[in-house]
Amino acid sequence: ESYKGQLKNVLTNERIFGVNLEEIGL
């Protein structure tokens, strides 16, 4: 329950993942 969406800013970081993971649905 301590997870309250903290990853969202990182998951959209194309520098880290090469893609925006939110935009592509992962």
mmCIF file of all heavy atoms, coordinates in Angstrom:
data_MODEL
# 
_entry.id   MODEL 
# 
loop_
_atom_site.group_PDB 
_atom_site.id 
_atom_site.type_symbol 
_atom_site.label_atom_id 
_atom_site.label_alt_id 
_atom_site.label_comp_id 
_atom_site.label_asym_id 
_atom_site.label_entity_id 
_atom_site.label_seq_id 
_atom_site.pdbx_PDB_ins_code 
_atom_site.Cartn_x 
_atom_site.Cartn_y 
_atom_site.Cartn_z 
_atom_site.occupancy 
_atom_site.B_iso_or_equiv 
_atom_site.pdbx_formal_charge 
_atom_site.auth_seq_id 
_atom_site.auth_comp_id 
_atom_site.auth_asym_id 
_atom_site.auth_atom_id 
_atom_site.pdbx_PDB_model_num 
ATOM 1   N N   . GLU A 1 1  ? 0.817  -1.219 0.000   1.00 0.00 ? 1  GLU A N   1 
ATOM 2   C CA  . GLU A 1 1  ? 0.000  0.000  0.000   1.00 0.00 ? 1  GLU A CA  1 
ATOM 3   C C   . GLU A 1 1  ? 0.850  1.267  0.000   1.00 0.00 ? 1  GLU A C   1 
ATOM 4   O O   . GLU A 1 1  ? 0.339  2.367  -0.270  1.00 0.00 ? 1  GLU A O   1 
ATOM 5   C CB  . GLU A 1 1  ? -0.942 0.001  1.207   1.00 0.00 ? 1  GLU A CB  1 
ATOM 6   C CG  . GLU A 1 1  ? -0.266 0.133  2.563   1.00 0.00 ? 1  GLU A CG  1 
ATOM 7   C CD  . GLU A 1 1  ? 0.233  -1.195 3.145   1.00 0.00 ? 1  GLU A CD  1 
ATOM 8   O OE1 . GLU A 1 1  ? 0.235  -2.200 2.405   1.00 0.00 ? 1  GLU A OE1 1 
ATOM 9   O OE2 . GLU A 1 1  ? 0.601  -1.200 4.329   1.00 0.00 ? 1  GLU A OE2 1 
ATOM 10  N N   . SER A 1 2  ? 2.160  1.129  0.271   1.00 0.00 ? 2  SER A N   1 
ATOM 11  C CA  . SER A 1 2  ? 3.036  2.308  0.253   1.00 0.00 ? 2  SER A CA  1 
ATOM 12  C C   . SER A 1 2  ? 3.336  2.762  -1.169  1.00 0.00 ? 2  SER A C   1 
ATOM 13  O O   . SER A 1 2  ? 3.880  3.848  -1.370  1.00 0.00 ? 2  SER A O   1 
ATOM 14  C CB  . SER A 1 2  ? 4.339  2.019  1.000   1.00 0.00 ? 2  SER A CB  1 
ATOM 15  O OG  . SER A 1 2  ? 5.120  1.041  0.316   1.00 0.00 ? 2  SER A OG  1 
ATOM 16  N N   . TYR A 1 3  ? 2.998  1.904  -2.135  1.00 0.00 ? 3  TYR A N   1 
ATOM 17  C CA  . TYR A 1 3  ? 3.176  2.334  -3.527  1.00 0.00 ? 3  TYR A CA  1 
ATOM 18  C C   . TYR A 1 3  ? 1.998  3.196  -3.942  1.00 0.00 ? 3  TYR A C   1 
ATOM 19  O O   . TYR A 1 3  ? 0.851  2.748  -3.964  1.00 0.00 ? 3  TYR A O   1 
ATOM 20  C CB  . TYR A 1 3  ? 3.314  1.149  -4.491  1.00 0.00 ? 3  TYR A CB  1 
ATOM 21  C CG  . TYR A 1 3  ? 3.480  1.635  -5.917  1.00 0.00 ? 3  TYR A CG  1 
ATOM 22  C CD1 . TYR A 1 3  ? 4.671  2.269  -6.294  1.00 0.00 ? 3  TYR A CD1 1 
ATOM 23  C CD2 . TYR A 1 3  ? 2.458  1.527  -6.851  1.00 0.00 ? 3  TYR A CD2 1 
ATOM 24  C CE1 . TYR A 1 3  ? 4.833  2.770  -7.580  1.00 0.00 ? 3  TYR A CE1 1 
ATOM 25  C CE2 . TYR A 1 3  ? 2.619  2.020  -8.139  1.00 0.00 ? 3  TYR A CE2 1 
ATOM 26  C CZ  . TYR A 1 3  ? 3.802  2.648  -8.497  1.00 0.00 ? 3  TYR A CZ  1 
ATOM 27  O OH  . TYR A 1 3  ? 3.963  3.164  -9.764  1.00 0.00 ? 3  TYR A OH  1 
ATOM 28  N N   . LYS A 1 4  ? 2.282  4.426  -4.266  1.00 0.00 ? 4  LYS A N   1 
ATOM 29  C CA  . LYS A 1 4  ? 1.240  5.379  -4.653  1.00 0.00 ? 4  LYS A CA  1 
ATOM 30  C C   . LYS A 1 4  ? 1.595  6.046  -5.980  1.00 0.00 ? 4  LYS A C   1 
ATOM 31  O O   . LYS A 1 4  ? 1.423  7.250  -6.159  1.00 0.00 ? 4  LYS A O   1 
ATOM 32  C CB  . LYS A 1 4  ? 1.049  6.429  -3.555  1.00 0.00 ? 4  LYS A CB  1 
ATOM 33  C CG  . LYS A 1 4  ? 0.703  5.834  -2.194  1.00 0.00 ? 4  LYS A CG  1 
ATOM 34  C CD  . LYS A 1 4  ? 0.455  6.904  -1.151  1.00 0.00 ? 4  LYS A CD  1 
ATOM 35  C CE  . LYS A 1 4  ? 0.259  6.291  0.234   1.00 0.00 ? 4  LYS A CE  1 
ATOM 36  N NZ  . LYS A 1 4  ? -0.883 5.355  0.276   1.00 0.00 ? 4  LYS A NZ  1 
ATOM 37  N N   . GLY A 1 5  ? 2.105  5.220  -6.887  1.00 0.00 ? 5  GLY A N   1 
ATOM 38  C CA  . GLY A 1 5  ? 2.423  5.740  -8.223  1.00 0.00 ? 5  GLY A CA  1 
ATOM 39  C C   . GLY A 1 5  ? 3.786  6.383  -8.351  1.00 0.00 ? 5  GLY A C   1 
ATOM 40  O O   . GLY A 1 5  ? 4.062  7.086  -9.329  1.00 0.00 ? 5  GLY A O   1 
ATOM 41  N N   . GLN A 1 6  ? 4.683  6.123  -7.395  1.00 0.00 ? 6  GLN A N   1 
ATOM 42  C CA  . GLN A 1 6  ? 5.998  6.777  -7.423  1.00 0.00 ? 6  GLN A CA  1 
ATOM 43  C C   . GLN A 1 6  ? 6.812  6.465  -8.674  1.00 0.00 ? 6  GLN A C   1 
ATOM 44  O O   . GLN A 1 6  ? 7.705  7.223  -9.037  1.00 0.00 ? 6  GLN A O   1 
ATOM 45  C CB  . GLN A 1 6  ? 6.814  6.383  -6.184  1.00 0.00 ? 6  GLN A CB  1 
ATOM 46  C CG  . GLN A 1 6  ? 6.298  6.966  -4.861  1.00 0.00 ? 6  GLN A CG  1 
ATOM 47  C CD  . GLN A 1 6  ? 5.391  5.997  -4.125  1.00 0.00 ? 6  GLN A CD  1 
ATOM 48  O OE1 . GLN A 1 6  ? 4.635  5.253  -4.750  1.00 0.00 ? 6  GLN A OE1 1 
ATOM 49  N NE2 . GLN A 1 6  ? 5.458  6.009  -2.791  1.00 0.00 ? 6  GLN A NE2 1 
ATOM 50  N N   . LEU A 1 7  ? 6.545  5.344  -9.327  1.00 0.00 ? 7  LEU A N   1 
ATOM 51  C CA  . LEU A 1 7  ? 7.338  4.959  -10.495 1.00 0.00 ? 7  LEU A CA  1 
ATOM 52  C C   . LEU A 1 7  ? 6.956  5.717  -11.758 1.00 0.00 ? 7  LEU A C   1 
ATOM 53  O O   . LEU A 1 7  ? 7.691  5.667  -12.748 1.00 0.00 ? 7  LEU A O   1 
ATOM 54  C CB  . LEU A 1 7  ? 7.188  3.456  -10.778 1.00 0.00 ? 7  LEU A CB  1 
ATOM 55  C CG  . LEU A 1 7  ? 7.666  2.463  -9.722  1.00 0.00 ? 7  LEU A CG  1 
ATOM 56  C CD1 . LEU A 1 7  ? 7.512  1.052  -10.255 1.00 0.00 ? 7  LEU A CD1 1 
ATOM 57  C CD2 . LEU A 1 7  ? 9.106  2.726  -9.330  1.00 0.00 ? 7  LEU A CD2 1 
ATOM 58  N N   . LYS A 1 8  ? 5.820  6.380  -11.760 1.00 0.00 ? 8  LYS A N   1 
ATOM 59  C CA  . LYS A 1 8  ? 5.280  6.913  -13.010 1.00 0.00 ? 8  LYS A CA  1 
ATOM 60  C C   . LYS A 1 8  ? 6.236  7.874  -13.713 1.00 0.00 ? 8  LYS A C   1 
ATOM 61  O O   . LYS A 1 8  ? 6.381  7.831  -14.939 1.00 0.00 ? 8  LYS A O   1 
ATOM 62  C CB  . LYS A 1 8  ? 3.925  7.583  -12.759 1.00 0.00 ? 8  LYS A CB  1 
ATOM 63  C CG  . LYS A 1 8  ? 2.837  6.578  -12.363 1.00 0.00 ? 8  LYS A CG  1 
ATOM 64  C CD  . LYS A 1 8  ? 1.466  7.203  -12.319 1.00 0.00 ? 8  LYS A CD  1 
ATOM 65  C CE  . LYS A 1 8  ? 0.410  6.190  -11.864 1.00 0.00 ? 8  LYS A CE  1 
ATOM 66  N NZ  . LYS A 1 8  ? 0.318  5.034  -12.771 1.00 0.00 ? 8  LYS A NZ  1 
ATOM 67  N N   . ASN A 1 9  ? 6.910  8.742  -12.960 1.00 0.00 ? 9  ASN A N   1 
ATOM 68  C CA  . ASN A 1 9  ? 7.848  9.672  -13.598 1.00 0.00 ? 9  ASN A CA  1 
ATOM 69  C C   . ASN A 1 9  ? 9.002  8.944  -14.263 1.00 0.00 ? 9  ASN A C   1 
ATOM 70  O O   . ASN A 1 9  ? 9.485  9.346  -15.320 1.00 0.00 ? 9  ASN A O   1 
ATOM 71  C CB  . ASN A 1 9  ? 8.409  10.658 -12.558 1.00 0.00 ? 9  ASN A CB  1 
ATOM 72  C CG  . ASN A 1 9  ? 7.400  11.715 -12.173 1.00 0.00 ? 9  ASN A CG  1 
ATOM 73  O OD1 . ASN A 1 9  ? 6.448  11.958 -12.907 1.00 0.00 ? 9  ASN A OD1 1 
ATOM 74  N ND2 . ASN A 1 9  ? 7.602  12.335 -11.025 1.00 0.00 ? 9  ASN A ND2 1 
ATOM 75  N N   . VAL A 1 10 ? 9.454  7.863  -13.645 1.00 0.00 ? 10 VAL A N   1 
ATOM 76  C CA  . VAL A 1 10 ? 10.580 7.112  -14.207 1.00 0.00 ? 10 VAL A CA  1 
ATOM 77  C C   . VAL A 1 10 ? 10.133 6.288  -15.416 1.00 0.00 ? 10 VAL A C   1 
ATOM 78  O O   . VAL A 1 10 ? 10.850 6.200  -16.415 1.00 0.00 ? 10 VAL A O   1 
ATOM 79  C CB  . VAL A 1 10 ? 11.215 6.195  -13.141 1.00 0.00 ? 10 VAL A CB  1 
ATOM 80  C CG1 . VAL A 1 10 ? 12.463 5.520  -13.703 1.00 0.00 ? 10 VAL A CG1 1 
ATOM 81  C CG2 . VAL A 1 10 ? 11.559 6.979  -11.881 1.00 0.00 ? 10 VAL A CG2 1 
ATOM 82  N N   . LEU A 1 11 ? 8.967  5.710  -15.341 1.00 0.00 ? 11 LEU A N   1 
ATOM 83  C CA  . LEU A 1 11 ? 8.478  4.848  -16.424 1.00 0.00 ? 11 LEU A CA  1 
ATOM 84  C C   . LEU A 1 11 ? 8.279  5.598  -17.736 1.00 0.00 ? 11 LEU A C   1 
ATOM 85  O O   . LEU A 1 11 ? 8.230  4.993  -18.805 1.00 0.00 ? 11 LEU A O   1 
ATOM 86  C CB  . LEU A 1 11 ? 7.168  4.179  -16.006 1.00 0.00 ? 11 LEU A CB  1 
ATOM 87  C CG  . LEU A 1 11 ? 7.300  3.125  -14.895 1.00 0.00 ? 11 LEU A CG  1 
ATOM 88  C CD1 . LEU A 1 11 ? 5.925  2.744  -14.345 1.00 0.00 ? 11 LEU A CD1 1 
ATOM 89  C CD2 . LEU A 1 11 ? 8.022  1.885  -15.396 1.00 0.00 ? 11 LEU A CD2 1 
ATOM 90  N N   . THR A 1 12 ? 8.162  6.914  -17.661 1.00 0.00 ? 12 THR A N   1 
ATOM 91  C CA  . THR A 1 12 ? 8.019  7.714  -18.883 1.00 0.00 ? 12 THR A CA  1 
ATOM 92  C C   . THR A 1 12 ? 9.349  8.253  -19.384 1.00 0.00 ? 12 THR A C   1 
ATOM 93  O O   . THR A 1 12 ? 9.400  8.945  -20.396 1.00 0.00 ? 12 THR A O   1 
ATOM 94  C CB  . THR A 1 12 ? 7.070  8.904  -18.630 1.00 0.00 ? 12 THR A CB  1 
ATOM 95  O OG1 . THR A 1 12 ? 7.614  9.724  -17.583 1.00 0.00 ? 12 THR A OG1 1 
ATOM 96  C CG2 . THR A 1 12 ? 5.683  8.424  -18.226 1.00 0.00 ? 12 THR A CG2 1 
ATOM 97  N N   . ASN A 1 13 ? 10.449 7.901  -18.703 1.00 0.00 ? 13 ASN A N   1 
ATOM 98  C CA  . ASN A 1 13 ? 11.770 8.443  -19.017 1.00 0.00 ? 13 ASN A CA  1 
ATOM 99  C C   . ASN A 1 13 ? 12.421 7.670  -20.168 1.00 0.00 ? 13 ASN A C   1 
ATOM 100 O O   . ASN A 1 13 ? 12.911 6.555  -19.996 1.00 0.00 ? 13 ASN A O   1 
ATOM 101 C CB  . ASN A 1 13 ? 12.661 8.388  -17.770 1.00 0.00 ? 13 ASN A CB  1 
ATOM 102 C CG  . ASN A 1 13 ? 13.953 9.146  -17.944 1.00 0.00 ? 13 ASN A CG  1 
ATOM 103 O OD1 . ASN A 1 13 ? 14.531 9.192  -19.026 1.00 0.00 ? 13 ASN A OD1 1 
ATOM 104 N ND2 . ASN A 1 13 ? 14.434 9.750  -16.866 1.00 0.00 ? 13 ASN A ND2 1 
ATOM 105 N N   . GLU A 1 14 ? 12.418 8.269  -21.338 1.00 0.00 ? 14 GLU A N   1 
ATOM 106 C CA  . GLU A 1 14 ? 12.973 7.586  -22.517 1.00 0.00 ? 14 GLU A CA  1 
ATOM 107 C C   . GLU A 1 14 ? 14.492 7.472  -22.451 1.00 0.00 ? 14 GLU A C   1 
ATOM 108 O O   . GLU A 1 14 ? 15.074 6.610  -23.116 1.00 0.00 ? 14 GLU A O   1 
ATOM 109 C CB  . GLU A 1 14 ? 12.552 8.325  -23.791 1.00 0.00 ? 14 GLU A CB  1 
ATOM 110 C CG  . GLU A 1 14 ? 11.047 8.265  -24.041 1.00 0.00 ? 14 GLU A CG  1 
ATOM 111 C CD  . GLU A 1 14 ? 10.645 8.856  -25.379 1.00 0.00 ? 14 GLU A CD  1 
ATOM 112 O OE1 . GLU A 1 14 ? 11.473 8.829  -26.320 1.00 0.00 ? 14 GLU A OE1 1 
ATOM 113 O OE2 . GLU A 1 14 ? 9.507  9.346  -25.485 1.00 0.00 ? 14 GLU A OE2 1 
ATOM 114 N N   . ARG A 1 15 ? 15.141 8.311  -21.660 1.00 0.00 ? 15 ARG A N   1 
ATOM 115 C CA  . ARG A 1 15 ? 16.594 8.188  -21.489 1.00 0.00 ? 15 ARG A CA  1 
ATOM 116 C C   . ARG A 1 15 ? 16.955 6.862  -20.853 1.00 0.00 ? 15 ARG A C   1 
ATOM 117 O O   . ARG A 1 15 ? 17.966 6.249  -21.172 1.00 0.00 ? 15 ARG A O   1 
ATOM 118 C CB  . ARG A 1 15 ? 17.127 9.319  -20.604 1.00 0.00 ? 15 ARG A CB  1 
ATOM 119 C CG  . ARG A 1 15 ? 17.601 10.542 -21.312 1.00 0.00 ? 15 ARG A CG  1 
ATOM 120 C CD  . ARG A 1 15 ? 18.170 11.528 -20.296 1.00 0.00 ? 15 ARG A CD  1 
ATOM 121 N NE  . ARG A 1 15 ? 19.572 11.276 -20.047 1.00 0.00 ? 15 ARG A NE  1 
ATOM 122 C CZ  . ARG A 1 15 ? 20.555 11.882 -20.680 1.00 0.00 ? 15 ARG A CZ  1 
ATOM 123 N NH1 . ARG A 1 15 ? 20.288 12.737 -21.635 1.00 0.00 ? 15 ARG A NH1 1 
ATOM 124 N NH2 . ARG A 1 15 ? 21.810 11.620 -20.383 1.00 0.00 ? 15 ARG A NH2 1 
ATOM 125 N N   . ILE A 1 16 ? 16.095 6.404  -19.949 1.00 0.00 ? 16 ILE A N   1 
ATOM 126 C CA  . ILE A 1 16 ? 16.368 5.164  -19.236 1.00 0.00 ? 16 ILE A CA  1 
ATOM 127 C C   . ILE A 1 16 ? 15.917 3.950  -20.042 1.00 0.00 ? 16 ILE A C   1 
ATOM 128 O O   . ILE A 1 16 ? 16.662 2.976  -20.190 1.00 0.00 ? 16 ILE A O   1 
ATOM 129 C CB  . ILE A 1 16 ? 15.686 5.159  -17.854 1.00 0.00 ? 16 ILE A CB  1 
ATOM 130 C CG1 . ILE A 1 16 ? 16.285 6.250  -16.962 1.00 0.00 ? 16 ILE A CG1 1 
ATOM 131 C CG2 . ILE A 1 16 ? 15.837 3.794  -17.173 1.00 0.00 ? 16 ILE A CG2 1 
ATOM 132 C CD1 . ILE A 1 16 ? 15.629 6.374  -15.605 1.00 0.00 ? 16 ILE A CD1 1 
ATOM 133 N N   . PHE A 1 17 ? 14.712 4.005  -20.592 1.00 0.00 ? 17 PHE A N   1 
ATOM 134 C CA  . PHE A 1 17 ? 14.128 2.814  -21.209 1.00 0.00 ? 17 PHE A CA  1 
ATOM 135 C C   . PHE A 1 17 ? 14.178 2.814  -22.737 1.00 0.00 ? 17 PHE A C   1 
ATOM 136 O O   . PHE A 1 17 ? 13.858 1.803  -23.355 1.00 0.00 ? 17 PHE A O   1 
ATOM 137 C CB  . PHE A 1 17 ? 12.673 2.647  -20.751 1.00 0.00 ? 17 PHE A CB  1 
ATOM 138 C CG  . PHE A 1 17 ? 12.541 2.454  -19.268 1.00 0.00 ? 17 PHE A CG  1 
ATOM 139 C CD1 . PHE A 1 17 ? 12.095 3.477  -18.453 1.00 0.00 ? 17 PHE A CD1 1 
ATOM 140 C CD2 . PHE A 1 17 ? 12.903 1.252  -18.678 1.00 0.00 ? 17 PHE A CD2 1 
ATOM 141 C CE1 . PHE A 1 17 ? 11.992 3.316  -17.081 1.00 0.00 ? 17 PHE A CE1 1 
ATOM 142 C CE2 . PHE A 1 17 ? 12.807 1.076  -17.306 1.00 0.00 ? 17 PHE A CE2 1 
ATOM 143 C CZ  . PHE A 1 17 ? 12.356 2.102  -16.510 1.00 0.00 ? 17 PHE A CZ  1 
ATOM 144 N N   . GLY A 1 18 ? 14.558 3.929  -23.326 1.00 0.00 ? 18 GLY A N   1 
ATOM 145 C CA  . GLY A 1 18 ? 14.561 3.997  -24.783 1.00 0.00 ? 18 GLY A CA  1 
ATOM 146 C C   . GLY A 1 18 ? 13.191 4.296  -25.354 1.00 0.00 ? 18 GLY A C   1 
ATOM 147 O O   . GLY A 1 18 ? 13.066 4.652  -26.521 1.00 0.00 ? 18 GLY A O   1 
ATOM 148 N N   . VAL A 1 19 ? 12.163 4.127  -24.537 1.00 0.00 ? 19 VAL A N   1 
ATOM 149 C CA  . VAL A 1 19 ? 10.776 4.385  -24.920 1.00 0.00 ? 19 VAL A CA  1 
ATOM 150 C C   . VAL A 1 19 ? 10.040 4.939  -23.701 1.00 0.00 ? 19 VAL A C   1 
ATOM 151 O O   . VAL A 1 19 ? 10.506 4.809  -22.573 1.00 0.00 ? 19 VAL A O   1 
ATOM 152 C CB  . VAL A 1 19 ? 10.054 3.102  -25.404 1.00 0.00 ? 19 VAL A CB  1 
ATOM 153 C CG1 . VAL A 1 19 ? 10.632 2.596  -26.701 1.00 0.00 ? 19 VAL A CG1 1 
ATOM 154 C CG2 . VAL A 1 19 ? 10.105 2.019  -24.332 1.00 0.00 ? 19 VAL A CG2 1 
ATOM 155 N N   . ASN A 1 20 ? 8.882  5.519  -23.951 1.00 0.00 ? 20 ASN A N   1 
ATOM 156 C CA  . ASN A 1 20 ? 7.979  5.916  -22.875 1.00 0.00 ? 20 ASN A CA  1 
ATOM 157 C C   . ASN A 1 20 ? 7.070  4.722  -22.587 1.00 0.00 ? 20 ASN A C   1 
ATOM 158 O O   . ASN A 1 20 ? 6.182  4.403  -23.386 1.00 0.00 ? 20 ASN A O   1 
ATOM 159 C CB  . ASN A 1 20 ? 7.165  7.141  -23.297 1.00 0.00 ? 20 ASN A CB  1 
ATOM 160 C CG  . ASN A 1 20 ? 6.238  7.647  -22.216 1.00 0.00 ? 20 ASN A CG  1 
ATOM 161 O OD1 . ASN A 1 20 ? 5.636  6.861  -21.478 1.00 0.00 ? 20 ASN A OD1 1 
ATOM 162 N ND2 . ASN A 1 20 ? 6.083  8.955  -22.134 1.00 0.00 ? 20 ASN A ND2 1 
ATOM 163 N N   . LEU A 1 21 ? 7.327  4.027  -21.489 1.00 0.00 ? 21 LEU A N   1 
ATOM 164 C CA  . LEU A 1 21 ? 6.591  2.789  -21.209 1.00 0.00 ? 21 LEU A CA  1 
ATOM 165 C C   . LEU A 1 21 ? 5.097  3.025  -21.006 1.00 0.00 ? 21 LEU A C   1 
ATOM 166 O O   . LEU A 1 21 ? 4.282  2.146  -21.285 1.00 0.00 ? 21 LEU A O   1 
ATOM 167 C CB  . LEU A 1 21 ? 7.188  2.100  -19.979 1.00 0.00 ? 21 LEU A CB  1 
ATOM 168 C CG  . LEU A 1 21 ? 8.610  1.549  -20.152 1.00 0.00 ? 21 LEU A CG  1 
ATOM 169 C CD1 . LEU A 1 21 ? 9.141  1.015  -18.834 1.00 0.00 ? 21 LEU A CD1 1 
ATOM 170 C CD2 . LEU A 1 21 ? 8.655  0.465  -21.217 1.00 0.00 ? 21 LEU A CD2 1 
ATOM 171 N N   . GLU A 1 22 ? 4.741  4.217  -20.559 1.00 0.00 ? 22 GLU A N   1 
ATOM 172 C CA  . GLU A 1 22 ? 3.317  4.512  -20.386 1.00 0.00 ? 22 GLU A CA  1 
ATOM 173 C C   . GLU A 1 22 ? 2.638  4.673  -21.739 1.00 0.00 ? 22 GLU A C   1 
ATOM 174 O O   . GLU A 1 22 ? 1.546  4.126  -21.967 1.00 0.00 ? 22 GLU A O   1 
ATOM 175 C CB  . GLU A 1 22 ? 3.141  5.790  -19.555 1.00 0.00 ? 22 GLU A CB  1 
ATOM 176 C CG  . GLU A 1 22 ? 1.679  6.101  -19.244 1.00 0.00 ? 22 GLU A CG  1 
ATOM 177 C CD  . GLU A 1 22 ? 1.522  7.274  -18.302 1.00 0.00 ? 22 GLU A CD  1 
ATOM 178 O OE1 . GLU A 1 22 ? 2.520  7.975  -18.030 1.00 0.00 ? 22 GLU A OE1 1 
ATOM 179 O OE2 . GLU A 1 22 ? 0.391  7.487  -17.845 1.00 0.00 ? 22 GLU A OE2 1 
ATOM 180 N N   . GLU A 1 23 ? 3.290  5.356  -22.659 1.00 0.00 ? 23 GLU A N   1 
ATOM 181 C CA  . GLU A 1 23 ? 2.700  5.583  -23.975 1.00 0.00 ? 23 GLU A CA  1 
ATOM 182 C C   . GLU A 1 23 ? 2.475  4.289  -24.736 1.00 0.00 ? 23 GLU A C   1 
ATOM 183 O O   . GLU A 1 23 ? 1.485  4.163  -25.474 1.00 0.00 ? 23 GLU A O   1 
ATOM 184 C CB  . GLU A 1 23 ? 3.592  6.512  -24.800 1.00 0.00 ? 23 GLU A CB  1 
ATOM 185 C CG  . GLU A 1 23 ? 3.491  7.979  -24.408 1.00 0.00 ? 23 GLU A CG  1 
ATOM 186 C CD  . GLU A 1 23 ? 4.320  8.860  -25.330 1.00 0.00 ? 23 GLU A CD  1 
ATOM 187 O OE1 . GLU A 1 23 ? 4.970  8.308  -26.258 1.00 0.00 ? 23 GLU A OE1 1 
ATOM 188 O OE2 . GLU A 1 23 ? 4.315  10.089 -25.134 1.00 0.00 ? 23 GLU A OE2 1 
ATOM 189 N N   . ILE A 1 24 ? 3.370  3.329  -24.582 1.00 0.00 ? 24 ILE A N   1 
ATOM 190 C CA  . ILE A 1 24 ? 3.228  2.086  -25.355 1.00 0.00 ? 24 ILE A CA  1 
ATOM 191 C C   . ILE A 1 24 ? 2.432  1.021  -24.605 1.00 0.00 ? 24 ILE A C   1 
ATOM 192 O O   . ILE A 1 24 ? 2.228  -0.082 -25.120 1.00 0.00 ? 24 ILE A O   1 
ATOM 193 C CB  . ILE A 1 24 ? 4.600  1.517  -25.758 1.00 0.00 ? 24 ILE A CB  1 
ATOM 194 C CG1 . ILE A 1 24 ? 5.412  1.113  -24.521 1.00 0.00 ? 24 ILE A CG1 1 
ATOM 195 C CG2 . ILE A 1 24 ? 5.354  2.514  -26.610 1.00 0.00 ? 24 ILE A CG2 1 
ATOM 196 C CD1 . ILE A 1 24 ? 6.681  0.371  -24.858 1.00 0.00 ? 24 ILE A CD1 1 
ATOM 197 N N   . GLY A 1 25 ? 1.985  1.323  -23.391 1.00 0.00 ? 25 GLY A N   1 
ATOM 198 C CA  . GLY A 1 25 ? 1.084  0.427  -22.688 1.00 0.00 ? 25 GLY A CA  1 
ATOM 199 C C   . GLY A 1 25 ? 1.715  -0.642 -21.822 1.00 0.00 ? 25 GLY A C   1 
ATOM 200 O O   . GLY A 1 25 ? 1.064  -1.637 -21.505 1.00 0.00 ? 25 GLY A O   1 
ATOM 201 N N   . LEU A 1 26 ? 2.994  -0.449 -21.406 1.00 0.00 ? 26 LEU A N   1 
ATOM 202 C CA  . LEU A 1 26 ? 3.650  -1.455 -20.562 1.00 0.00 ? 26 LEU A CA  1 
ATOM 203 C C   . LEU A 1 26 ? 3.815  -1.006 -19.113 1.00 0.00 ? 26 LEU A C   1 
ATOM 204 O O   . LEU A 1 26 ? 4.174  -1.815 -18.253 1.00 0.00 ? 26 LEU A O   1 
ATOM 205 C CB  . LEU A 1 26 ? 5.028  -1.820 -21.128 1.00 0.00 ? 26 LEU A CB  1 
ATOM 206 C CG  . LEU A 1 26 ? 5.061  -2.700 -22.375 1.00 0.00 ? 26 LEU A CG  1 
ATOM 207 C CD1 . LEU A 1 26 ? 6.503  -3.007 -22.775 1.00 0.00 ? 26 LEU A CD1 1 
ATOM 208 C CD2 . LEU A 1 26 ? 4.283  -3.999 -22.181 1.00 0.00 ? 26 LEU A CD2 1 
# 
